[in-house]
């Protein structure tokens, strides 16, 4: 409920009052709604104008990519291949043809779709390294050889300080889609809240690029079961608590990932996800000093009702 006269004030992007304003403003719309690289900013479906358009990559970035590729080639050895697709350096123990296929079939379309739907403020200005390994054995071996660390996921992971994605292709390309989202979001919105960063990445791990190249359509995946069980058992906390959690990767991590992913999918189903991302990022939503909790309750109830009726799989069209 909005009073007739409201005093608006600037708040940090992830402040609970600002987040409340976003979803209070969108709750009615959500509840009432029915269920390559050169095209980075093409085909936006909404009325929000992009902040920037695609432009030629600078010479300095290409040189940095070549330098990174040379270093990788020396470190990985002759059993691996490396290709440069500015701003990306892609390497691994698969053949060059497969590296090219991963770029052409998955990486470039996905990156373009994410830029068109969400990441329109800042393009990568430093190389992003993507390491693709054929199976678990080489995935674990090279993670240790390059970084002196054990791979902490069977699918893949992202190291922000190194701007490096490491992927086990033996588990498919799901991990690649997930970690690519993190790497691109790091340039567009470095301070993105964990629930949105992980929610969007998890949404993309099982999805397909839209026919018009704008956005990635999510599908129901393995994370649904835990979320539905938590709702039935009364263990799922309110959305407002998830969005305000500063310990996303703590003891509730598994359920947090599921709740964040399916909240992103819920917003996508209602045509709101891209708008929510951009408005939160750009600080375009401000909250009144006082607000009612009722819109949160209504939105949360609608989200839970939507989740419990989801089938185990559904058509992605």
Protein backbone atom coordinates (compact mmCIF):
# COMPACT_ATOMS: atom_id res chain seq x y z
CA UNK A 1 0.00 0.00 0.00
CA UNK A 2 1.45 3.39 -1.02
CA UNK A 3 0.45 6.50 0.98
CA UNK A 4 -0.68 9.64 -0.85
CA UNK A 5 2.48 11.51 0.09
CA UNK A 6 5.78 9.65 0.28
CA UNK A 7 9.24 10.93 1.12
CA UNK A 8 11.67 9.06 -1.15
CA UNK A 9 15.32 8.65 -0.23
CA UNK A 10 18.34 7.06 -1.91
CA UNK A 11 19.22 3.63 -0.50
CA UNK A 12 21.96 1.08 -1.26
CA UNK A 13 21.00 -1.20 -4.14
CA UNK A 14 20.65 -4.31 -1.98
CA UNK A 15 19.01 -2.59 1.00
CA UNK A 16 15.83 -4.47 2.02
CA UNK A 17 13.71 -1.34 1.61
CA UNK A 18 14.83 -0.92 -1.98
CA UNK A 19 14.29 -4.60 -2.74
CA UNK A 20 10.85 -4.33 -1.19
CA UNK A 21 10.04 -1.38 -3.43
CA UNK A 22 10.97 -3.37 -6.52
CA UNK A 23 8.76 -6.33 -5.70
CA UNK A 24 5.93 -4.28 -4.20
CA UNK A 25 5.85 -2.38 -7.49
CA UNK A 26 5.94 -5.60 -9.52
CA UNK A 27 3.78 -7.86 -7.34
CA UNK A 28 0.49 -6.96 -8.97
CA UNK A 29 1.94 -7.45 -12.45
CA UNK A 30 3.54 -10.75 -11.48
CA UNK A 31 0.47 -12.21 -9.81
CA UNK A 32 -1.82 -11.09 -12.61
CA UNK A 33 0.36 -12.19 -15.51
CA UNK A 34 -0.10 -15.35 -17.57
CA UNK A 35 1.61 -18.02 -17.10
CA UNK A 36 27.28 -14.18 -31.97
CA UNK A 37 29.20 -11.54 -30.16
CA UNK A 38 28.42 -8.61 -32.50
CA UNK A 39 24.72 -8.75 -31.50
CA UNK A 40 25.30 -8.00 -27.83
CA UNK A 41 22.64 -5.29 -27.61
CA UNK A 42 20.26 -6.34 -30.36
CA UNK A 43 16.57 -7.12 -30.10
CA UNK A 44 15.63 -5.84 -26.62
CA UNK A 45 11.92 -6.61 -26.13
CA UNK A 46 11.23 -4.03 -23.41
CA UNK A 47 11.06 -0.26 -23.58
CA UNK A 48 14.24 0.21 -21.53
CA UNK A 49 16.98 1.62 -23.75
CA UNK A 50 20.41 0.01 -23.43
CA UNK A 51 23.15 2.07 -21.88
CA UNK A 52 25.67 1.08 -24.54
CA UNK A 53 25.75 -0.69 -27.87
CA UNK A 54 28.22 -3.26 -29.15
CA UNK A 55 31.49 -1.80 -30.37
CA UNK A 56 34.79 -3.04 -31.76
CA UNK A 57 37.08 -4.62 -29.20
CA UNK A 58 40.10 -2.40 -28.41
CA UNK A 59 43.54 -3.37 -29.62
CA UNK A 60 44.76 -3.51 -26.01
CA UNK A 61 42.17 -6.17 -25.11
CA UNK A 62 43.12 -8.33 -28.07
CA UNK A 63 46.79 -8.05 -27.13
CA UNK A 64 45.98 -9.03 -23.54
CA UNK A 65 44.03 -12.05 -24.80
CA UNK A 66 46.96 -13.13 -26.99
CA UNK A 67 49.33 -12.79 -24.06
CA UNK A 68 47.03 -14.86 -21.85
CA UNK A 69 46.74 -17.50 -24.58
CA UNK A 70 50.52 -17.74 -24.91
CA UNK A 71 50.92 -18.22 -21.16
CA UNK A 72 48.17 -20.87 -21.08
CA UNK A 73 49.68 -22.79 -23.97
CA UNK A 74 52.99 -23.00 -22.14
CA UNK A 75 51.36 -24.07 -18.87
CA UNK A 76 48.97 -26.62 -20.33
CA UNK A 77 51.43 -28.30 -22.67
CA UNK A 78 51.13 -29.87 -26.09
CA UNK A 79 48.21 -32.13 -25.14
CA UNK A 80 45.93 -29.08 -24.98
CA UNK A 81 44.74 -26.49 -27.50
CA UNK A 82 44.03 -22.78 -27.16
CA UNK A 83 41.94 -20.37 -29.24
CA UNK A 84 41.29 -16.64 -28.87
CA UNK A 85 37.86 -15.14 -29.44
CA UNK A 86 38.19 -11.64 -28.00
CA UNK A 87 37.44 -11.03 -25.14
CA UNK A 88 37.69 -14.77 -24.47
CA UNK A 89 40.64 -17.13 -24.27
CA UNK A 90 39.37 -20.71 -24.56
CA UNK A 91 41.60 -23.70 -23.89
CA UNK A 92 41.45 -27.35 -22.91
CA UNK A 93 42.39 -30.93 -23.60
CA UNK A 94 39.77 -31.34 -26.34
CA UNK A 95 40.51 -30.73 -30.01
CA UNK A 96 40.46 -27.27 -31.53
CA UNK A 97 37.34 -28.22 -33.47
CA UNK A 98 35.51 -28.92 -30.21
CA UNK A 99 36.73 -25.67 -28.67
CA UNK A 100 35.39 -23.86 -31.74
CA UNK A 101 32.10 -25.75 -31.46
CA UNK A 102 31.70 -24.82 -27.79
CA UNK A 103 32.26 -21.19 -28.70
CA UNK A 104 29.99 -21.14 -31.75
CA UNK A 105 27.18 -23.31 -30.38
CA UNK A 106 27.10 -22.31 -26.72
CA UNK A 107 29.35 -19.47 -25.56
CA UNK A 108 28.78 -16.81 -28.23
CA UNK A 109 24.97 -17.24 -28.45
CA UNK A 110 24.62 -17.32 -24.66
CA UNK A 111 26.85 -14.29 -24.13
CA UNK A 112 24.95 -12.33 -26.77
CA UNK A 113 21.60 -13.32 -25.29
CA UNK A 114 22.65 -12.29 -21.77
CA UNK A 115 23.99 -8.96 -23.00
CA UNK A 116 20.78 -8.25 -24.89
CA UNK A 117 18.57 -9.10 -21.92
CA UNK A 118 20.62 -8.00 -18.90
CA UNK A 119 24.28 -7.05 -19.29
CA UNK A 120 24.01 -3.85 -21.32
CA UNK A 121 25.97 -1.49 -19.09
CA UNK A 122 29.57 -2.71 -19.34
CA UNK A 123 31.23 -5.10 -21.78
CA UNK A 124 34.29 -7.11 -20.71
CA UNK A 125 37.43 -4.95 -20.71
CA UNK A 126 39.81 -7.72 -19.60
CA UNK A 127 40.31 -11.26 -20.92
CA UNK A 128 38.01 -13.99 -19.63
CA UNK A 129 39.66 -17.41 -19.63
CA UNK A 130 37.51 -20.49 -20.21
CA UNK A 131 39.13 -23.88 -19.56
CA UNK A 132 37.25 -26.87 -20.95
CA UNK A 133 38.29 -30.39 -20.00
CA UNK A 134 37.01 -33.61 -21.49
CA UNK A 135 36.30 -35.46 -18.24
CA UNK A 136 36.78 -35.51 -14.50
CA UNK A 137 40.32 -36.86 -14.59
CA UNK A 138 41.77 -34.05 -16.69
CA UNK A 139 39.48 -31.50 -15.04
CA UNK A 140 40.91 -32.33 -11.61
CA UNK A 141 44.46 -32.70 -12.95
CA UNK A 142 44.66 -29.31 -14.62
CA UNK A 143 42.88 -27.47 -11.82
CA UNK A 144 45.67 -28.64 -9.56
CA UNK A 145 48.44 -28.06 -12.12
CA UNK A 146 47.39 -24.49 -12.96
CA UNK A 147 46.05 -23.22 -9.65
CA UNK A 148 47.20 -25.70 -7.00
CA UNK A 149 43.62 -26.37 -5.94
CA UNK A 150 41.09 -29.17 -5.92
CA UNK A 151 38.07 -28.66 -8.16
CA UNK A 152 35.21 -27.79 -5.81
CA UNK A 153 32.36 -28.84 -8.10
CA UNK A 154 31.86 -31.77 -10.44
CA UNK A 155 30.47 -29.42 -13.13
CA UNK A 156 32.78 -26.41 -13.01
CA UNK A 157 33.59 -23.25 -11.12
CA UNK A 158 34.57 -19.60 -11.56
CA UNK A 159 37.55 -17.84 -9.97
CA UNK A 160 36.68 -14.09 -9.96
CA UNK A 161 40.18 -12.87 -9.05
CA UNK A 162 41.56 -14.68 -12.13
CA UNK A 163 38.52 -14.12 -14.35
CA UNK A 164 38.77 -17.82 -15.12
CA UNK A 165 36.08 -20.45 -15.72
CA UNK A 166 37.01 -24.13 -15.32
CA UNK A 167 34.54 -26.69 -16.71
CA UNK A 168 34.22 -30.48 -16.73
CA UNK A 169 32.65 -31.19 -20.13
CA UNK A 170 32.13 -34.77 -19.04
CA UNK A 171 29.07 -33.45 -17.16
CA UNK A 172 27.79 -31.57 -20.21
CA UNK A 173 27.78 -27.83 -20.87
CA UNK A 174 25.53 -26.94 -17.92
CA UNK A 175 28.48 -25.78 -15.85
CA UNK A 176 29.75 -23.65 -18.73
CA UNK A 177 26.45 -21.75 -18.97
CA UNK A 178 26.33 -21.26 -15.19
CA UNK A 179 29.89 -19.97 -14.82
CA UNK A 180 29.74 -17.82 -17.98
CA UNK A 181 26.89 -15.91 -16.34
CA UNK A 182 29.11 -15.11 -13.34
CA UNK A 183 32.02 -14.00 -15.54
CA UNK A 184 29.91 -11.60 -17.62
CA UNK A 185 27.92 -10.24 -14.68
CA UNK A 186 31.22 -9.40 -12.95
CA UNK A 187 31.77 -6.64 -15.53
CA UNK A 188 28.18 -5.44 -15.78
CA UNK A 189 27.34 -5.39 -12.04
CA UNK A 190 30.26 -6.38 -9.78
CA UNK A 191 28.19 -5.76 -6.63
CA UNK A 192 25.19 -7.86 -7.66
CA UNK A 193 23.58 -9.57 -4.65
CA UNK A 194 24.31 -13.26 -4.26
CA UNK A 195 20.67 -14.34 -4.66
CA UNK A 196 20.50 -12.74 -8.12
CA UNK A 197 24.01 -13.71 -9.19
CA UNK A 198 23.50 -17.36 -8.31
CA UNK A 199 19.81 -17.39 -9.22
CA UNK A 200 20.49 -16.16 -12.75
CA UNK A 201 23.50 -18.44 -13.23
CA UNK A 202 21.49 -21.43 -12.01
CA UNK A 203 18.62 -20.48 -14.31
CA UNK A 204 20.95 -20.51 -17.30
CA UNK A 205 22.55 -23.87 -16.48
CA UNK A 206 19.43 -25.53 -17.91
CA UNK A 207 18.02 -23.31 -20.61
CA UNK A 208 18.18 -22.37 -24.25
CA UNK A 209 18.78 -19.13 -26.12
CA UNK A 210 15.57 -17.61 -27.44
CA UNK A 211 14.96 -17.69 -31.15
CA UNK A 212 15.39 -13.91 -31.38
CA UNK A 213 18.68 -14.08 -29.48
CA UNK A 214 17.36 -12.06 -26.52
CA UNK A 215 17.66 -13.91 -23.23
CA UNK A 216 17.89 -17.55 -22.17
CA UNK A 217 14.68 -19.46 -21.46
CA UNK A 218 15.01 -21.51 -18.28
CA UNK A 219 13.64 -25.01 -17.85
CA UNK A 220 12.67 -27.05 -14.81
CA UNK A 221 15.71 -28.97 -13.55
CA UNK A 222 17.03 -31.06 -10.67
CA UNK A 223 16.88 -28.18 -8.17
CA UNK A 224 13.06 -28.27 -8.12
CA UNK A 225 12.67 -31.32 -5.88
CA UNK A 226 14.42 -29.78 -2.88
CA UNK A 227 12.39 -26.59 -3.22
CA UNK A 228 9.03 -28.36 -3.42
CA UNK A 229 9.93 -30.53 -0.42
CA UNK A 230 10.85 -27.45 1.62
CA UNK A 231 7.51 -25.83 0.79
CA UNK A 232 5.56 -28.97 1.74
CA UNK A 233 7.54 -29.36 4.99
CA UNK A 234 7.20 -25.70 5.97
CA UNK A 235 10.98 -25.17 5.85
CA UNK A 236 11.14 -22.57 3.08
CA UNK A 237 11.76 -19.08 4.40
CA UNK A 238 10.05 -16.00 2.90
CA UNK A 239 11.45 -14.39 -0.23
CA UNK A 240 12.21 -11.24 1.73
CA UNK A 241 14.57 -13.23 3.98
CA UNK A 242 16.34 -14.79 0.99
CA UNK A 243 16.87 -11.42 -0.68
CA UNK A 244 18.26 -9.88 2.48
CA UNK A 245 20.57 -12.80 3.37
CA UNK A 246 24.26 -11.87 3.55
CA UNK A 247 25.26 -15.52 4.11
CA UNK A 248 23.86 -17.04 0.92
CA UNK A 249 26.64 -19.66 0.73
CA UNK A 250 26.25 -20.83 4.31
CA UNK A 251 24.46 -23.86 5.74
CA UNK A 252 21.31 -23.20 3.66
CA UNK A 253 23.24 -23.01 0.38
CA UNK A 254 21.54 -25.91 -1.43
CA UNK A 255 18.05 -24.59 -0.71
CA UNK A 256 19.11 -20.99 -1.34
CA UNK A 257 20.27 -21.91 -4.85
CA UNK A 258 16.96 -23.63 -5.57
CA UNK A 259 14.82 -20.79 -4.21
CA UNK A 260 16.84 -18.12 -6.04
CA UNK A 261 16.78 -20.07 -9.33
CA UNK A 262 13.07 -20.64 -9.30
CA UNK A 263 12.31 -17.10 -8.24
CA UNK A 264 14.24 -15.97 -11.33
CA UNK A 265 12.27 -18.47 -13.42
CA UNK A 266 9.02 -17.21 -11.84
CA UNK A 267 9.90 -13.64 -12.83
CA UNK A 268 10.91 -14.78 -16.31
CA UNK A 269 7.58 -16.54 -16.79
CA UNK A 270 5.89 -13.21 -16.11
CA UNK A 271 8.15 -11.22 -18.41
CA UNK A 272 9.77 -9.31 -15.55
CA UNK A 273 13.24 -10.79 -15.05
CA UNK A 274 15.24 -8.51 -17.34
CA UNK A 275 13.47 -5.43 -16.04
CA UNK A 276 14.06 -6.41 -12.40
CA UNK A 277 17.77 -7.00 -13.07
CA UNK A 278 18.32 -3.67 -14.82
CA UNK A 279 16.28 -1.59 -12.37
CA UNK A 280 18.02 -3.09 -9.34
CA UNK A 281 21.43 -2.66 -10.96
CA UNK A 282 20.82 0.93 -12.04
CA UNK A 283 19.25 2.01 -8.74
CA UNK A 284 16.05 2.99 -10.50
CA UNK A 285 13.83 1.77 -7.67
CA UNK A 286 13.54 3.69 -4.41
CA UNK A 287 11.49 2.82 -1.38
CA UNK A 288 9.30 4.91 0.93
CA UNK A 289 10.47 5.24 4.49
CA UNK A 290 7.53 3.08 5.63
CA UNK A 291 5.84 0.26 3.78
CA UNK A 292 3.32 -2.49 4.31
CA UNK A 293 4.43 -6.13 4.47
CA UNK A 294 1.24 -7.29 2.77
CA UNK A 295 2.58 -7.13 -0.83
CA UNK A 296 5.52 -9.32 0.21
CA UNK A 297 3.13 -11.91 1.64
CA UNK A 298 1.02 -11.92 -1.51
CA UNK A 299 4.03 -12.25 -3.79
CA UNK A 300 5.51 -15.02 -1.64
CA UNK A 301 2.24 -16.94 -1.60
CA UNK A 302 1.90 -16.68 -5.37
CA UNK A 303 5.50 -17.82 -5.89
CA UNK A 304 5.00 -20.87 -3.66
CA UNK A 305 1.77 -21.80 -5.40
CA UNK A 306 3.52 -21.54 -8.75
CA UNK A 307 6.43 -23.73 -7.59
CA UNK A 308 4.34 -26.59 -6.18
CA UNK A 309 2.38 -26.99 -9.42
CA UNK A 310 5.51 -27.25 -11.59
CA UNK A 311 5.97 -30.67 -13.19
CA UNK A 312 9.30 -32.47 -13.04
CA UNK A 313 10.00 -31.33 -16.58
CA UNK A 314 8.24 -29.09 -19.04
CA UNK A 315 8.42 -27.98 -22.64
CA UNK A 316 10.94 -25.15 -23.09
CA UNK A 317 9.10 -23.48 -25.95
